Amino acid sequence: MIIDVPEGKDPIGYVWGEMVPGIGVAAAQFSMAVYSHSTLGLREFEAARLRIAQINGCIFCQDWRTERDGAKVEPEFADAVTEWRSTEAFDERTRLAAEYAERYALDHHGLDDEFWARMLAEYTQVEVVELSMSIGSWLAFGRLNRVLGLDTACVLPGHSAA
């Protein structure tokens, strides 16, 4: 961790809440809204989230599994996300979520008409906006935590570590 956190302080709470309260608290609320208000299916949500976690290298985010109504994706799901192009474990929406997350993070200028035709055949415009905001949140905040070395100390507010 490159930030000096006072003894006894939670690193995430200190950095996000105490160091920059005007920004960090709002960022944390946005980050939690992605989980609390998502209308996306769990598999497509997790495919996009995990692909960003893999790209960012965020240790906590790669280990975390979103839970909805007591359900989580299967243990092998993260490996399928890595192999999103060829896995037989995904339906088209889940595959597109992983592809979109990867391209959003690594090649957003390459999102061409062919991609959008495929995406809009499976997702509504509202779902595309929701997925885009979610991916943006994970990309920004997961990367921030990884860059600052907070990803080994991270626990989402209101959740215990997986």
N, C-alpha and C. Protein backbone atom coordinates (compact mmCIF):
# COMPACT_ATOMS: atom_id res chain seq x y z
N MET A 1 0.85 -1.17 0.00
CA MET A 1 0.00 0.00 0.00
C MET A 1 0.90 1.24 0.00
N ILE A 2 0.61 2.18 -0.88
CA ILE A 2 1.47 3.36 -0.97
C ILE A 2 0.96 4.52 -0.12
N ILE A 3 -0.22 4.38 0.45
CA ILE A 3 -0.80 5.41 1.30
C ILE A 3 -0.51 5.06 2.76
N ASP A 4 -0.06 6.04 3.52
CA ASP A 4 0.19 5.83 4.95
C ASP A 4 -1.15 5.88 5.68
N VAL A 5 -1.56 4.74 6.19
CA VAL A 5 -2.82 4.63 6.92
C VAL A 5 -2.48 4.56 8.40
N PRO A 6 -3.07 5.46 9.21
CA PRO A 6 -2.79 5.43 10.65
C PRO A 6 -3.12 4.08 11.28
N GLU A 7 -2.35 3.70 12.26
CA GLU A 7 -2.55 2.45 13.00
C GLU A 7 -4.00 2.36 13.48
N GLY A 8 -4.58 1.19 13.25
CA GLY A 8 -5.94 0.94 13.72
C GLY A 8 -7.05 1.43 12.80
N LYS A 9 -6.69 2.12 11.72
CA LYS A 9 -7.70 2.61 10.78
C LYS A 9 -7.92 1.59 9.67
N ASP A 10 -9.18 1.47 9.24
CA ASP A 10 -9.51 0.66 8.08
C ASP A 10 -8.98 1.39 6.84
N PRO A 11 -8.13 0.75 6.04
CA PRO A 11 -7.54 1.44 4.89
C PRO A 11 -8.57 2.02 3.91
N ILE A 12 -9.61 1.26 3.59
CA ILE A 12 -10.62 1.75 2.66
C ILE A 12 -11.38 2.92 3.27
N GLY A 13 -11.83 2.76 4.48
CA GLY A 13 -12.56 3.83 5.15
C GLY A 13 -11.73 5.09 5.29
N TYR A 14 -10.46 4.93 5.60
CA TYR A 14 -9.57 6.08 5.76
C TYR A 14 -9.34 6.80 4.43
N VAL A 15 -8.95 6.04 3.40
CA VAL A 15 -8.62 6.66 2.11
C VAL A 15 -9.88 7.24 1.45
N TRP A 16 -10.93 6.45 1.38
CA TRP A 16 -12.15 6.89 0.70
C TRP A 16 -12.97 7.87 1.54
N GLY A 17 -12.97 7.71 2.84
CA GLY A 17 -13.85 8.51 3.68
C GLY A 17 -13.19 9.69 4.35
N GLU A 18 -12.00 9.47 4.92
CA GLU A 18 -11.36 10.53 5.68
C GLU A 18 -10.44 11.42 4.84
N MET A 19 -9.70 10.82 3.92
CA MET A 19 -8.75 11.61 3.14
C MET A 19 -9.45 12.55 2.16
N VAL A 20 -10.46 12.05 1.49
CA VAL A 20 -11.18 12.85 0.49
C VAL A 20 -12.70 12.68 0.68
N PRO A 21 -13.24 13.16 1.80
CA PRO A 21 -14.64 12.87 2.11
C PRO A 21 -15.63 13.42 1.08
N GLY A 22 -15.31 14.53 0.46
CA GLY A 22 -16.22 15.10 -0.54
C GLY A 22 -16.31 14.27 -1.80
N ILE A 23 -15.24 13.55 -2.12
CA ILE A 23 -15.20 12.71 -3.31
C ILE A 23 -15.42 11.25 -2.94
N GLY A 24 -14.70 10.77 -1.95
CA GLY A 24 -14.71 9.36 -1.61
C GLY A 24 -16.07 8.84 -1.18
N VAL A 25 -16.78 9.61 -0.37
CA VAL A 25 -18.10 9.17 0.09
C VAL A 25 -19.06 9.08 -1.09
N ALA A 26 -19.03 10.08 -1.97
CA ALA A 26 -19.89 10.05 -3.16
C ALA A 26 -19.50 8.88 -4.07
N ALA A 27 -18.21 8.63 -4.22
CA ALA A 27 -17.75 7.51 -5.06
C ALA A 27 -18.22 6.19 -4.46
N ALA A 28 -18.13 6.05 -3.15
CA ALA A 28 -18.57 4.82 -2.49
C ALA A 28 -20.08 4.62 -2.68
N GLN A 29 -20.84 5.71 -2.61
CA GLN A 29 -22.29 5.61 -2.82
C GLN A 29 -22.60 5.18 -4.25
N PHE A 30 -21.88 5.72 -5.22
CA PHE A 30 -22.07 5.31 -6.61
C PHE A 30 -21.68 3.84 -6.78
N SER A 31 -20.56 3.47 -6.20
CA SER A 31 -20.10 2.09 -6.30
C SER A 31 -21.15 1.13 -5.73
N MET A 32 -21.72 1.46 -4.60
CA MET A 32 -22.74 0.60 -3.99
C MET A 32 -24.04 0.62 -4.78
N ALA A 33 -24.37 1.73 -5.42
CA ALA A 33 -25.60 1.82 -6.22
C ALA A 33 -25.59 0.82 -7.36
N VAL A 34 -24.42 0.57 -7.92
CA VAL A 34 -24.28 -0.40 -9.00
C VAL A 34 -24.76 -1.77 -8.54
N TYR A 35 -24.48 -2.12 -7.30
CA TYR A 35 -24.89 -3.41 -6.74
C TYR A 35 -26.36 -3.37 -6.28
N SER A 36 -26.75 -2.29 -5.66
CA SER A 36 -28.08 -2.20 -5.06
C SER A 36 -29.21 -2.03 -6.06
N HIS A 37 -28.93 -1.39 -7.17
CA HIS A 37 -30.01 -1.01 -8.08
C HIS A 37 -29.91 -1.66 -9.46
N SER A 38 -29.03 -2.62 -9.61
CA SER A 38 -28.88 -3.26 -10.92
C SER A 38 -30.13 -4.06 -11.29
N THR A 39 -30.51 -3.95 -12.55
CA THR A 39 -31.61 -4.75 -13.09
C THR A 39 -31.06 -5.87 -13.98
N LEU A 40 -29.76 -5.92 -14.15
CA LEU A 40 -29.13 -6.93 -14.99
C LEU A 40 -29.14 -8.29 -14.30
N GLY A 41 -29.18 -9.34 -15.09
CA GLY A 41 -29.09 -10.69 -14.54
C GLY A 41 -27.75 -10.90 -13.87
N LEU A 42 -27.73 -11.79 -12.88
CA LEU A 42 -26.51 -12.03 -12.10
C LEU A 42 -25.35 -12.49 -12.98
N ARG A 43 -25.59 -13.36 -13.94
CA ARG A 43 -24.49 -13.90 -14.75
C ARG A 43 -23.88 -12.82 -15.64
N GLU A 44 -24.69 -12.00 -16.28
CA GLU A 44 -24.11 -10.95 -17.13
C GLU A 44 -23.44 -9.87 -16.28
N PHE A 45 -24.03 -9.56 -15.13
CA PHE A 45 -23.44 -8.60 -14.19
C PHE A 45 -22.06 -9.08 -13.76
N GLU A 46 -21.99 -10.34 -13.33
CA GLU A 46 -20.73 -10.90 -12.85
C GLU A 46 -19.72 -11.09 -13.98
N ALA A 47 -20.17 -11.42 -15.18
CA ALA A 47 -19.23 -11.56 -16.30
C ALA A 47 -18.52 -10.25 -16.58
N ALA A 48 -19.27 -9.17 -16.61
CA ALA A 48 -18.66 -7.86 -16.84
C ALA A 48 -17.79 -7.44 -15.66
N ARG A 49 -18.30 -7.63 -14.44
CA ARG A 49 -17.55 -7.22 -13.26
C ARG A 49 -16.25 -7.99 -13.13
N LEU A 50 -16.32 -9.28 -13.31
CA LEU A 50 -15.10 -10.10 -13.20
C LEU A 50 -14.10 -9.81 -14.32
N ARG A 51 -14.58 -9.53 -15.52
CA ARG A 51 -13.63 -9.22 -16.61
C ARG A 51 -12.87 -7.94 -16.29
N ILE A 52 -13.57 -6.94 -15.75
CA ILE A 52 -12.88 -5.71 -15.34
C ILE A 52 -11.91 -6.00 -14.20
N ALA A 53 -12.32 -6.82 -13.24
CA ALA A 53 -11.42 -7.17 -12.13
C ALA A 53 -10.16 -7.85 -12.63
N GLN A 54 -10.32 -8.74 -13.62
CA GLN A 54 -9.16 -9.42 -14.19
C GLN A 54 -8.25 -8.42 -14.91
N ILE A 55 -8.83 -7.51 -15.66
CA ILE A 55 -8.04 -6.51 -16.38
C ILE A 55 -7.34 -5.57 -15.40
N ASN A 56 -8.07 -5.12 -14.37
CA ASN A 56 -7.47 -4.22 -13.37
C ASN A 56 -6.43 -4.92 -12.52
N GLY A 57 -6.57 -6.22 -12.34
CA GLY A 57 -5.69 -6.95 -11.44
C GLY A 57 -6.06 -6.79 -9.98
N CYS A 58 -7.25 -6.27 -9.70
CA CYS A 58 -7.68 -6.05 -8.32
C CYS A 58 -7.92 -7.40 -7.63
N ILE A 59 -7.13 -7.68 -6.62
CA ILE A 59 -7.18 -8.97 -5.94
C ILE A 59 -8.54 -9.18 -5.28
N PHE A 60 -9.00 -8.19 -4.53
CA PHE A 60 -10.30 -8.32 -3.86
C PHE A 60 -11.41 -8.54 -4.87
N CYS A 61 -11.44 -7.74 -5.91
CA CYS A 61 -12.52 -7.82 -6.91
C CYS A 61 -12.53 -9.17 -7.63
N GLN A 62 -11.36 -9.75 -7.84
CA GLN A 62 -11.30 -11.06 -8.48
C GLN A 62 -11.82 -12.16 -7.55
N ASP A 63 -11.65 -11.99 -6.26
CA ASP A 63 -12.11 -12.99 -5.29
C ASP A 63 -13.58 -12.81 -4.92
N TRP A 64 -14.08 -11.60 -5.03
CA TRP A 64 -15.46 -11.28 -4.64
C TRP A 64 -16.46 -11.93 -5.59
N ARG A 65 -17.59 -12.39 -5.05
CA ARG A 65 -18.70 -12.85 -5.87
C ARG A 65 -19.96 -12.16 -5.39
N THR A 66 -20.62 -11.48 -6.30
CA THR A 66 -21.88 -10.81 -5.98
C THR A 66 -22.92 -11.87 -5.63
N GLU A 67 -23.69 -11.59 -4.60
CA GLU A 67 -24.76 -12.49 -4.19
C GLU A 67 -26.09 -11.78 -4.37
N ARG A 68 -27.04 -12.51 -4.95
CA ARG A 68 -28.40 -11.99 -5.09
C ARG A 68 -29.38 -13.05 -4.63
N ASP A 69 -30.19 -12.69 -3.66
CA ASP A 69 -31.20 -13.61 -3.15
C ASP A 69 -30.60 -14.97 -2.80
N GLY A 70 -29.42 -14.95 -2.21
CA GLY A 70 -28.76 -16.18 -1.79
C GLY A 70 -28.02 -16.92 -2.89
N ALA A 71 -28.04 -16.39 -4.10
CA ALA A 71 -27.39 -17.07 -5.24
C ALA A 71 -26.11 -16.35 -5.64
N LYS A 72 -25.12 -17.15 -6.01
CA LYS A 72 -23.86 -16.66 -6.57
C LYS A 72 -23.57 -17.50 -7.81
N VAL A 73 -22.69 -17.00 -8.65
CA VAL A 73 -22.26 -17.78 -9.81
C VAL A 73 -21.43 -18.96 -9.32
N GLU A 74 -21.34 -19.99 -10.16
CA GLU A 74 -20.60 -21.20 -9.80
C GLU A 74 -19.10 -20.90 -9.66
N PRO A 75 -18.38 -21.72 -8.89
CA PRO A 75 -16.95 -21.48 -8.66
C PRO A 75 -16.12 -21.38 -9.94
N GLU A 76 -16.50 -22.08 -11.00
CA GLU A 76 -15.72 -22.09 -12.25
C GLU A 76 -16.01 -20.86 -13.13
N PHE A 77 -16.90 -20.01 -12.68
CA PHE A 77 -17.35 -18.88 -13.51
C PHE A 77 -16.19 -17.95 -13.89
N ALA A 78 -15.30 -17.66 -12.96
CA ALA A 78 -14.18 -16.75 -13.25
C ALA A 78 -13.30 -17.28 -14.37
N ASP A 79 -13.08 -18.60 -14.39
CA ASP A 79 -12.30 -19.19 -15.48
C ASP A 79 -13.03 -19.03 -16.81
N ALA A 80 -14.35 -19.19 -16.78
CA ALA A 80 -15.15 -19.00 -18.00
C ALA A 80 -15.07 -17.56 -18.49
N VAL A 81 -15.03 -16.62 -17.55
CA VAL A 81 -14.91 -15.20 -17.94
C VAL A 81 -13.60 -14.98 -18.67
N THR A 82 -12.53 -15.56 -18.18
CA THR A 82 -11.23 -15.44 -18.85
C THR A 82 -11.31 -15.97 -20.28
N GLU A 83 -12.08 -17.01 -20.47
CA GLU A 83 -12.23 -17.67 -21.77
C GLU A 83 -13.56 -17.31 -22.43
N TRP A 84 -14.03 -16.08 -22.25
CA TRP A 84 -15.36 -15.69 -22.72
C TRP A 84 -15.58 -15.93 -24.21
N ARG A 85 -14.53 -15.87 -25.00
CA ARG A 85 -14.69 -16.07 -26.45
C ARG A 85 -15.10 -17.50 -26.81
N SER A 86 -14.61 -18.47 -26.04
CA SER A 86 -14.79 -19.87 -26.42
C SER A 86 -15.58 -20.72 -25.43
N THR A 87 -15.85 -20.21 -24.24
CA THR A 87 -16.52 -21.03 -23.24
C THR A 87 -17.93 -21.43 -23.69
N GLU A 88 -18.32 -22.62 -23.31
CA GLU A 88 -19.68 -23.08 -23.57
C GLU A 88 -20.58 -22.82 -22.37
N ALA A 89 -20.02 -22.20 -21.32
CA ALA A 89 -20.77 -21.94 -20.10
C ALA A 89 -21.65 -20.69 -20.19
N PHE A 90 -21.49 -19.91 -21.26
CA PHE A 90 -22.19 -18.63 -21.36
C PHE A 90 -23.25 -18.62 -22.44
N ASP A 91 -24.36 -17.96 -22.15
CA ASP A 91 -25.31 -17.62 -23.20
C ASP A 91 -24.81 -16.35 -23.89
N GLU A 92 -25.52 -15.90 -24.90
CA GLU A 92 -25.05 -14.75 -25.69
C GLU A 92 -24.98 -13.46 -24.86
N ARG A 93 -25.95 -13.23 -23.99
CA ARG A 93 -25.93 -12.01 -23.17
C ARG A 93 -24.71 -12.00 -22.24
N THR A 94 -24.41 -13.13 -21.63
CA THR A 94 -23.27 -13.21 -20.71
C THR A 94 -21.97 -13.01 -21.47
N ARG A 95 -21.85 -13.65 -22.62
CA ARG A 95 -20.66 -13.50 -23.46
C ARG A 95 -20.47 -12.04 -23.88
N LEU A 96 -21.56 -11.40 -24.30
CA LEU A 96 -21.48 -10.00 -24.70
C LEU A 96 -21.10 -9.09 -23.53
N ALA A 97 -21.58 -9.40 -22.34
CA ALA A 97 -21.22 -8.59 -21.17
C ALA A 97 -19.71 -8.65 -20.92
N ALA A 98 -19.13 -9.84 -21.01
CA ALA A 98 -17.68 -9.98 -20.83
C ALA A 98 -16.93 -9.28 -21.96
N GLU A 99 -17.41 -9.45 -23.18
CA GLU A 99 -16.76 -8.79 -24.32
C GLU A 99 -16.83 -7.28 -24.18
N TYR A 100 -18.00 -6.77 -23.84
CA TYR A 100 -18.16 -5.32 -23.70
C TYR A 100 -17.25 -4.78 -22.61
N ALA A 101 -17.17 -5.47 -21.47
CA ALA A 101 -16.30 -5.01 -20.40
C ALA A 101 -14.85 -4.94 -20.86
N GLU A 102 -14.41 -5.98 -21.55
CA GLU A 102 -13.02 -6.00 -22.04
C GLU A 102 -12.77 -4.87 -23.04
N ARG A 103 -13.66 -4.72 -23.98
CA ARG A 103 -13.47 -3.70 -25.00
C ARG A 103 -13.62 -2.29 -24.42
N TYR A 104 -14.53 -2.11 -23.47
CA TYR A 104 -14.70 -0.84 -22.78
C TYR A 104 -13.38 -0.43 -22.11
N ALA A 105 -12.73 -1.40 -21.48
CA ALA A 105 -11.49 -1.12 -20.75
C ALA A 105 -10.26 -1.00 -21.63
N LEU A 106 -10.21 -1.79 -22.70
CA LEU A 106 -8.98 -1.88 -23.49
C LEU A 106 -9.06 -1.33 -24.90
N ASP A 107 -10.27 -1.19 -25.45
CA ASP A 107 -10.39 -0.78 -26.86
C ASP A 107 -11.70 -0.06 -27.12
N HIS A 108 -12.01 0.94 -26.30
CA HIS A 108 -13.30 1.61 -26.44
C HIS A 108 -13.46 2.32 -27.79
N HIS A 109 -12.36 2.69 -28.42
CA HIS A 109 -12.44 3.29 -29.76
C HIS A 109 -12.81 2.25 -30.82
N GLY A 110 -12.64 0.99 -30.50
CA GLY A 110 -12.93 -0.09 -31.44
C GLY A 110 -14.37 -0.62 -31.36
N LEU A 111 -15.20 0.01 -30.54
CA LEU A 111 -16.61 -0.41 -30.45
C LEU A 111 -17.32 0.08 -31.70
N ASP A 112 -17.41 -0.81 -32.68
CA ASP A 112 -17.90 -0.44 -34.01
C ASP A 112 -19.37 -0.81 -34.20
N ASP A 113 -19.88 -0.52 -35.38
CA ASP A 113 -21.29 -0.79 -35.70
C ASP A 113 -21.62 -2.27 -35.58
N GLU A 114 -20.71 -3.13 -35.97
CA GLU A 114 -20.95 -4.57 -35.88
C GLU A 114 -21.14 -4.99 -34.42
N PHE A 115 -20.30 -4.48 -33.53
CA PHE A 115 -20.44 -4.79 -32.12
C PHE A 115 -21.78 -4.29 -31.60
N TRP A 116 -22.11 -3.02 -31.91
CA TRP A 116 -23.35 -2.45 -31.38
C TRP A 116 -24.58 -3.15 -31.94
N ALA A 117 -24.52 -3.64 -33.13
CA ALA A 117 -25.65 -4.41 -33.68
C ALA A 117 -25.86 -5.69 -32.86
N ARG A 118 -24.75 -6.37 -32.54
CA ARG A 118 -24.86 -7.58 -31.71
C ARG A 118 -25.35 -7.24 -30.30
N MET A 119 -24.80 -6.18 -29.75
CA MET A 119 -25.16 -5.79 -28.38
C MET A 119 -26.65 -5.41 -28.30
N LEU A 120 -27.09 -4.59 -29.24
CA LEU A 120 -28.48 -4.12 -29.18
C LEU A 120 -29.49 -5.18 -29.62
N ALA A 121 -29.02 -6.28 -30.16
CA ALA A 121 -29.91 -7.40 -30.44
C ALA A 121 -30.21 -8.18 -29.16
N GLU A 122 -29.37 -8.03 -28.14
CA GLU A 122 -29.51 -8.77 -26.88
C GLU A 122 -29.90 -7.89 -25.70
N TYR A 123 -29.50 -6.62 -25.73
CA TYR A 123 -29.71 -5.70 -24.61
C TYR A 123 -30.54 -4.51 -25.05
N THR A 124 -31.41 -4.03 -24.15
CA THR A 124 -32.12 -2.79 -24.43
C THR A 124 -31.16 -1.62 -24.25
N GLN A 125 -31.54 -0.47 -24.73
CA GLN A 125 -30.70 0.72 -24.54
C GLN A 125 -30.54 1.04 -23.06
N VAL A 126 -31.58 0.86 -22.28
CA VAL A 126 -31.49 1.09 -20.83
C VAL A 126 -30.45 0.14 -20.22
N GLU A 127 -30.49 -1.12 -20.62
CA GLU A 127 -29.52 -2.09 -20.09
C GLU A 127 -28.10 -1.75 -20.52
N VAL A 128 -27.92 -1.24 -21.73
CA VAL A 128 -26.59 -0.83 -22.19
C VAL A 128 -26.06 0.31 -21.34
N VAL A 129 -26.92 1.27 -21.04
CA VAL A 129 -26.50 2.40 -20.19
C VAL A 129 -26.15 1.90 -18.79
N GLU A 130 -26.99 1.03 -18.23
CA GLU A 130 -26.72 0.49 -16.90
C GLU A 130 -25.41 -0.29 -16.89
N LEU A 131 -25.21 -1.14 -17.86
CA LEU A 131 -23.98 -1.92 -17.94
C LEU A 131 -22.77 -1.01 -18.12
N SER A 132 -22.91 0.03 -18.92
CA SER A 132 -21.81 0.98 -19.14
C SER A 132 -21.44 1.70 -17.85
N MET A 133 -22.45 2.14 -17.09
CA MET A 133 -22.16 2.81 -15.82
C MET A 133 -21.53 1.85 -14.82
N SER A 134 -22.00 0.62 -14.80
CA SER A 134 -21.42 -0.38 -13.90
C SER A 134 -19.97 -0.64 -14.26
N ILE A 135 -19.71 -0.88 -15.53
CA ILE A 135 -18.34 -1.13 -15.98
C ILE A 135 -17.45 0.06 -15.65
N GLY A 136 -17.95 1.27 -15.88
CA GLY A 136 -17.18 2.47 -15.55
C GLY A 136 -16.83 2.54 -14.07
N SER A 137 -17.77 2.19 -13.23
CA SER A 137 -17.53 2.18 -11.79
C SER A 137 -16.46 1.17 -11.43
N TRP A 138 -16.61 -0.05 -11.94
CA TRP A 138 -15.63 -1.10 -11.61
C TRP A 138 -14.25 -0.76 -12.15
N LEU A 139 -14.19 -0.23 -13.35
CA LEU A 139 -12.91 0.13 -13.95
C LEU A 139 -12.22 1.20 -13.11
N ALA A 140 -12.95 2.25 -12.78
CA ALA A 140 -12.37 3.37 -12.04
C ALA A 140 -11.98 2.98 -10.62
N PHE A 141 -12.91 2.42 -9.88
CA PHE A 141 -12.67 2.20 -8.46
C PHE A 141 -11.83 0.96 -8.19
N GLY A 142 -12.00 -0.08 -8.98
CA GLY A 142 -11.13 -1.24 -8.85
C GLY A 142 -9.70 -0.91 -9.19
N ARG A 143 -9.54 -0.10 -10.23
CA ARG A 143 -8.19 0.30 -10.63
C ARG A 143 -7.58 1.23 -9.59
N LEU A 144 -8.37 2.15 -9.06
CA LEU A 144 -7.89 3.05 -8.01
C LEU A 144 -7.38 2.23 -6.82
N ASN A 145 -8.18 1.27 -6.38
CA ASN A 145 -7.77 0.45 -5.24
C ASN A 145 -6.52 -0.36 -5.55
N ARG A 146 -6.41 -0.87 -6.76
CA ARG A 146 -5.23 -1.65 -7.16
C ARG A 146 -4.00 -0.77 -7.22
N VAL A 147 -4.11 0.38 -7.86
CA VAL A 147 -2.97 1.29 -8.01
C VAL A 147 -2.45 1.77 -6.66
N LEU A 148 -3.37 2.06 -5.74
CA LEU A 148 -2.96 2.53 -4.42
C LEU A 148 -2.61 1.40 -3.46
N GLY A 149 -2.78 0.15 -3.91
CA GLY A 149 -2.44 -0.99 -3.08
C GLY A 149 -3.50 -1.30 -2.03
N LEU A 150 -4.70 -0.80 -2.23
CA LEU A 150 -5.78 -1.03 -1.28
C LEU A 150 -6.55 -2.32 -1.55
N ASP A 151 -6.27 -2.96 -2.68
CA ASP A 151 -7.08 -4.11 -3.09
C ASP A 151 -6.91 -5.33 -2.19
N THR A 152 -5.90 -5.35 -1.36
CA THR A 152 -5.77 -6.46 -0.42
C THR A 152 -6.46 -6.13 0.91
N ALA A 153 -6.92 -4.89 1.06
CA ALA A 153 -7.58 -4.46 2.30
C ALA A 153 -9.05 -4.13 2.06
N CYS A 154 -9.52 -4.29 0.86
CA CYS A 154 -10.84 -3.82 0.46
C CYS A 154 -11.96 -4.73 0.96
N VAL A 155 -12.99 -4.13 1.50
CA VAL A 155 -14.25 -4.80 1.79
C VAL A 155 -15.34 -3.81 1.41
N LEU A 156 -16.29 -4.24 0.58
CA LEU A 156 -17.37 -3.35 0.20
C LEU A 156 -18.17 -2.96 1.43
N PRO A 157 -18.54 -1.67 1.55
CA PRO A 157 -19.36 -1.27 2.69
C PRO A 157 -20.63 -2.11 2.76
N GLY A 158 -20.96 -2.56 3.97
CA GLY A 158 -22.16 -3.35 4.15
C GLY A 158 -21.99 -4.82 3.81
N HIS A 159 -20.77 -5.23 3.44
CA HIS A 159 -20.49 -6.63 3.09
C HIS A 159 -19.28 -7.09 3.89
N SER A 160 -19.22 -8.35 4.17
CA SER A 160 -18.01 -8.91 4.76
C SER A 160 -17.19 -9.52 3.64
N ALA A 161 -15.92 -9.70 3.88
CA ALA A 161 -15.04 -10.27 2.86
C ALA A 161 -15.51 -11.67 2.52
N ALA A 162 -15.36 -12.03 1.24
CA ALA A 162 -15.78 -13.36 0.77
C ALA A 162 -14.91 -14.44 1.36
